[in-house]
Protein backbone atom coordinates (compact mmCIF):
# COMPACT_ATOMS: atom_id res chain seq x y z
CA MET A 1 0.03 -0.23 -0.21
CA LYS A 2 1.38 3.84 -0.96
CA VAL A 3 -1.34 5.70 1.42
CA PRO A 4 0.94 7.48 3.94
CA PHE A 5 0.06 6.39 7.34
CA ASP A 6 0.26 9.23 9.52
CA THR A 7 2.55 8.55 12.43
CA GLY A 8 1.69 11.71 14.05
CA THR A 9 0.13 11.76 17.82
CA GLU A 10 -2.64 14.23 16.71
CA LEU A 11 -5.16 11.22 16.86
CA PRO A 12 -5.39 8.19 18.74
CA LEU A 13 -3.79 4.82 16.94
CA HIS A 14 -7.12 3.60 16.26
CA ASP A 15 -8.33 6.47 14.70
CA ARG A 16 -5.14 7.00 12.48
CA VAL A 17 -5.35 2.92 11.28
CA TYR A 18 -8.98 3.47 10.28
CA ARG A 19 -8.08 6.61 8.58
CA TYR A 20 -5.18 4.70 6.32
CA LEU A 21 -7.32 1.94 5.97
CA SER A 22 -10.58 4.08 4.42
CA ASN A 23 -8.21 5.98 2.48
CA ALA A 24 -6.89 3.09 1.05
CA LEU A 25 -10.11 1.91 -0.11
CA MET A 26 -11.44 4.94 -1.35
CA GLN A 27 -8.13 5.32 -3.52
CA GLY A 28 -7.96 1.72 -4.73
CA GLU A 29 -5.08 0.40 -3.34
CA PHE A 30 -6.92 -2.38 -2.13
CA HIS A 31 -8.70 -4.58 -5.06
CA PRO A 32 -12.32 -5.76 -5.17
CA GLY A 33 -12.17 -9.21 -3.80
CA GLN A 34 -8.73 -9.10 -2.28
CA LYS A 35 -8.05 -11.26 0.79
CA LEU A 36 -6.17 -9.27 3.94
CA THR A 37 -5.42 -10.69 7.13
CA LEU A 38 -4.99 -8.90 10.49
CA ARG A 39 -1.53 -9.91 10.62
CA THR A 40 -0.23 -8.61 7.63
CA LEU A 41 -2.05 -5.13 8.11
CA ALA A 42 -0.68 -4.84 11.39
CA ASP A 43 3.02 -5.57 9.78
CA GLU A 44 2.64 -2.90 6.78
CA LEU A 45 1.70 -0.79 9.45
CA GLU A 46 4.04 -1.93 12.16
CA THR A 47 1.52 -1.67 14.86
CA SER A 48 -0.09 -4.21 16.96
CA ILE A 49 -3.60 -6.12 16.16
CA SER A 50 -5.82 -4.66 18.14
CA PRO A 51 -6.10 -1.37 16.26
CA ILE A 52 -6.32 -3.25 12.97
CA ARG A 53 -9.19 -5.52 14.33
CA GLU A 54 -11.02 -2.25 15.45
CA ALA A 55 -10.73 -0.18 12.09
CA ILE A 56 -11.64 -3.55 10.54
CA SER A 57 -14.83 -4.20 12.81
CA ARG A 58 -16.02 -0.37 11.73
CA LEU A 59 -15.20 -0.73 8.20
CA ALA A 60 -17.00 -4.17 7.96
CA ALA A 61 -20.34 -2.17 9.18
CA LEU A 62 -19.93 -0.34 6.68
CA LYS A 63 -19.67 -3.29 4.28
CA ALA A 64 -16.58 -2.28 2.87
CA VAL A 65 -15.00 -5.73 3.71
CA GLN A 66 -16.43 -8.91 4.90
CA VAL A 67 -14.91 -10.62 7.92
CA TYR A 68 -14.53 -13.92 8.14
CA PRO A 69 -13.06 -14.87 11.78
CA LYS A 70 -9.90 -17.03 11.62
CA ARG A 71 -9.61 -16.96 7.93
CA TYR A 72 -9.10 -13.67 6.22
CA ILE A 73 -10.93 -10.19 5.46
CA LEU A 74 -12.46 -9.96 2.26
CA VAL A 75 -12.77 -6.43 0.18
CA THR A 76 -16.08 -6.43 -0.74
CA PRO A 77 -16.79 -6.98 -4.44
CA LEU A 78 -18.84 -4.63 -6.02
CA SER A 79 -22.19 -5.56 -8.46
CA ALA A 80 -23.87 -3.58 -11.16
CA GLU A 81 -27.09 -4.28 -9.47
CA ILE A 82 -25.87 -2.87 -6.07
CA TYR A 83 -23.95 0.47 -7.92
CA MET A 84 -26.88 1.24 -9.85
CA GLU A 85 -28.75 1.89 -6.11
CA ILE A 86 -25.72 3.69 -5.16
CA VAL A 87 -25.21 5.90 -7.80
CA GLU A 88 -28.41 7.98 -7.15
CA VAL A 89 -27.75 8.56 -4.11
CA ARG A 90 -23.56 9.41 -5.29
CA LYS A 91 -25.60 11.85 -7.25
CA LEU A 92 -27.29 13.74 -4.56
CA LEU A 93 -24.91 13.97 -2.26
CA GLU A 94 -21.84 14.95 -3.99
CA GLY A 95 -24.27 17.20 -6.51
CA HIS A 96 -25.24 18.97 -3.00
CA ALA A 97 -21.39 19.03 -2.03
CA ALA A 98 -20.28 20.64 -4.94
CA ALA A 99 -23.17 23.30 -5.00
CA ARG A 100 -22.44 24.22 -1.37
CA ALA A 101 -18.61 24.38 -2.02
CA CYS A 102 -19.40 27.52 -4.74
CA THR A 103 -19.92 29.57 -2.06
CA ARG A 104 -17.14 28.60 0.33
CA MET A 105 -14.23 27.79 -1.92
CA THR A 106 -11.24 30.98 -2.29
CA THR A 107 -9.75 31.92 -5.11
CA GLU A 108 -6.70 30.09 -4.07
CA ASP A 109 -8.49 26.79 -3.16
CA ILE A 110 -10.16 26.88 -6.95
CA ASP A 111 -6.34 27.68 -8.53
CA ASN A 112 -5.16 24.32 -6.62
CA LEU A 113 -8.07 22.21 -7.80
CA GLU A 114 -7.07 23.33 -11.36
CA ILE A 115 -3.55 22.06 -10.63
CA VAL A 116 -4.59 19.05 -9.38
CA ASN A 117 -6.63 18.10 -12.06
CA GLN A 118 -4.39 19.40 -14.92
CA ARG A 119 -1.80 16.73 -13.22
CA LEU A 120 -4.33 14.17 -13.17
CA LEU A 121 -5.19 14.10 -17.08
CA GLN A 122 -1.18 13.95 -17.54
CA TYR A 123 -0.63 11.00 -15.63
CA ALA A 124 -3.55 9.41 -17.07
CA GLN A 125 -1.89 10.51 -20.63
CA GLN A 126 1.46 8.89 -19.68
CA GLY A 127 -0.43 5.65 -18.66
CA GLN A 128 0.40 6.61 -15.08
CA THR A 129 -3.17 5.32 -14.25
CA ARG A 130 -2.80 4.72 -10.66
CA ARG A 131 -1.68 8.40 -9.81
CA ALA A 132 -4.12 9.78 -11.83
CA MET A 133 -6.80 7.94 -10.04
CA LYS A 134 -5.43 9.24 -6.46
CA ASP A 135 -5.65 12.43 -7.99
CA ASN A 136 -9.44 11.63 -9.05
CA HIS A 137 -9.89 11.27 -5.43
CA SER A 138 -7.64 14.11 -4.17
CA PHE A 139 -9.91 16.30 -6.58
CA HIS A 140 -13.44 14.96 -5.92
CA PHE A 141 -12.70 15.18 -2.27
CA ALA A 142 -11.22 18.85 -2.16
CA VAL A 143 -14.64 19.97 -3.46
CA TYR A 144 -16.69 17.76 -0.62
CA ARG A 145 -14.52 18.72 2.21
CA SER A 146 -14.90 22.24 1.15
CA ALA A 147 -18.93 22.27 1.78
CA GLY A 148 -18.71 22.65 5.13
CA SER A 149 -20.74 19.85 6.38
CA SER A 150 -19.24 17.23 8.20
CA VAL A 151 -22.27 15.37 7.99
CA LEU A 152 -22.53 15.43 4.08
CA LEU A 153 -18.75 14.76 4.07
CA GLU A 154 -19.11 11.25 6.31
CA ASN A 155 -22.10 10.14 3.94
CA ILE A 156 -20.28 10.62 1.19
CA GLU A 157 -16.89 8.85 2.33
CA GLN A 158 -18.88 6.33 2.94
CA ILE A 159 -20.56 5.28 -0.54
CA TRP A 160 -16.54 6.00 -1.72
CA LEU A 161 -15.68 3.17 0.97
CA ARG A 162 -18.11 0.70 -0.67
CA VAL A 163 -17.24 1.71 -4.67
CA GLY A 164 -13.22 3.08 -4.01
CA PRO A 165 -12.35 -0.53 -4.76
CA SER A 166 -14.19 -1.13 -8.14
CA VAL A 167 -14.11 2.38 -9.23
CA ASN A 168 -10.55 2.68 -9.11
CA GLN A 169 -9.84 -0.52 -10.41
CA LEU A 170 -12.34 -0.45 -13.35
CA LEU A 171 -12.01 3.06 -14.44
CA ALA A 172 -7.93 2.71 -14.46
CA GLU A 173 -8.55 0.26 -16.78
CA GLU A 174 -10.62 2.18 -19.12
CA PHE A 175 -8.39 5.30 -19.15
CA ALA A 176 -5.48 2.85 -20.39
CA ARG A 177 -8.25 1.08 -23.07
CA ASP A 178 -10.24 4.60 -24.09
CA GLU A 179 -8.76 8.26 -23.70
CA THR A 180 -12.30 9.15 -25.18
CA ALA A 181 -13.41 7.85 -21.27
CA LEU A 182 -10.50 10.05 -19.96
CA MET A 183 -11.43 13.31 -21.74
CA LYS A 184 -15.24 12.94 -21.34
CA GLY A 185 -13.93 12.70 -17.10
CA PHE A 186 -12.00 15.53 -17.67
CA ASP A 187 -14.10 17.70 -19.28
CA HIS A 188 -16.68 17.71 -16.42
CA HIS A 189 -14.06 18.30 -14.02
CA GLN A 190 -13.15 21.50 -15.62
CA LYS A 191 -17.23 22.22 -16.18
CA LEU A 192 -17.06 22.34 -12.40
CA ILE A 193 -13.91 24.44 -11.87
CA GLN A 194 -15.66 27.16 -13.86
CA ALA A 195 -18.53 26.67 -12.51
CA LEU A 196 -16.71 27.22 -9.15
CA ARG A 197 -14.85 30.50 -9.98
CA VAL A 198 -18.62 32.34 -11.17
CA ARG A 199 -19.92 30.50 -7.78
CA ASP A 200 -22.75 29.21 -10.15
CA MET A 201 -24.15 26.40 -7.77
CA PRO A 202 -26.50 24.64 -10.20
CA GLY A 203 -23.62 24.30 -12.57
CA ALA A 204 -21.56 22.88 -10.11
CA LEU A 205 -23.91 20.40 -9.34
CA GLY A 206 -24.62 19.37 -13.05
CA ALA A 207 -20.83 19.29 -13.21
CA ILE A 208 -20.91 16.60 -10.64
CA THR A 209 -23.63 14.91 -11.46
CA GLY A 210 -22.48 14.86 -15.26
CA ASP A 211 -18.96 13.26 -14.17
CA ILE A 212 -20.61 10.95 -12.21
CA SER A 213 -23.34 9.28 -15.22
CA VAL A 214 -20.03 8.93 -17.33
CA SER A 215 -17.97 7.20 -15.21
CA THR A 216 -21.06 4.87 -14.29
CA ASP A 217 -21.57 3.86 -18.12
CA TYR A 218 -17.59 2.70 -18.07
CA LEU A 219 -17.96 1.28 -15.13
CA LEU A 220 -21.17 -0.94 -15.01
CA ASP A 221 -19.38 -2.38 -18.69
CA GLY A 222 -16.49 -3.42 -16.29
CA LEU A 223 -18.82 -4.29 -13.66
CA ARG A 224 -21.10 -6.52 -16.39
CA ARG A 225 -17.68 -7.73 -17.78
CA GLN A 226 -16.49 -9.27 -14.64
CA THR A 227 -19.80 -10.97 -13.86
CA ASP A 228 -20.13 -12.78 -17.50
CA SER A 229 -16.44 -13.60 -16.79
CA SER A 230 -17.42 -15.13 -13.21
CA SER A 231 -20.22 -16.71 -14.89
CA THR A 232 -18.33 -18.67 -17.41
CA THR A 233 -15.71 -19.81 -15.35
CA LEU A 234 -18.46 -21.48 -12.71
CA GLY A 235 -19.93 -22.75 -15.62
CA ILE A 236 -16.73 -24.59 -16.73
CA LEU A 237 -15.74 -25.94 -13.23
CA ASN A 238 -19.80 -27.37 -13.33
CA SER A 239 -19.18 -29.29 -16.18
CA GLY A 240 -16.11 -30.56 -15.43
CA TYR A 241 -17.93 -31.86 -12.14
CA GLY A 242 -20.95 -33.08 -14.08
CA VAL A 243 -23.15 -30.44 -12.38
CA VAL A 244 -25.92 -29.31 -14.52
């Protein structure tokens, strides 16, 4: 994992571990269906198992991971059906956060946002899709934090915990395969920046929901391909054992 672990003392250790694992999930450092263990995570963070166990319990309650006692921790896979339910909530929450940010972001904040967006595009065009996806997360959450609502931010983070691994993996694949997908997302980011500069709340809301809609089209294609692939594999295995 390459998400920096905050070794400072501002927060209790269990909170720092939870924040680390949350960011790793939202930024796609873990893959959907990946199996983890308490021991490997504790070794990674050079800490005891206790704060890891507490953080994993919190993440399991949010359905970001599934715990199989004495075996492993599974990063929850995302299905197309579940994402279709989630995406409408994403549009409501993230669109509202973008609209609120219009009246709160400073010119310097917006300038910094534009720098992140340009860097995102540069990384993606260079084939550095993992870095591009991390900057995509940074871009979105710079806006959402600026909305000035801890409740709104908390709910958006909970959704990203569930969708982050799949969104980052599948969109990175699409960016690498099809630059059109990349440019469509980049264009919506640019529209959002323009709306923020002129304090256009409806424009900011529309830019975010448009960005989510574009990514949803590509994401659903990837999720359905995964489902088809799994079904084919299962069918082959079943036929080998004479299962009908």
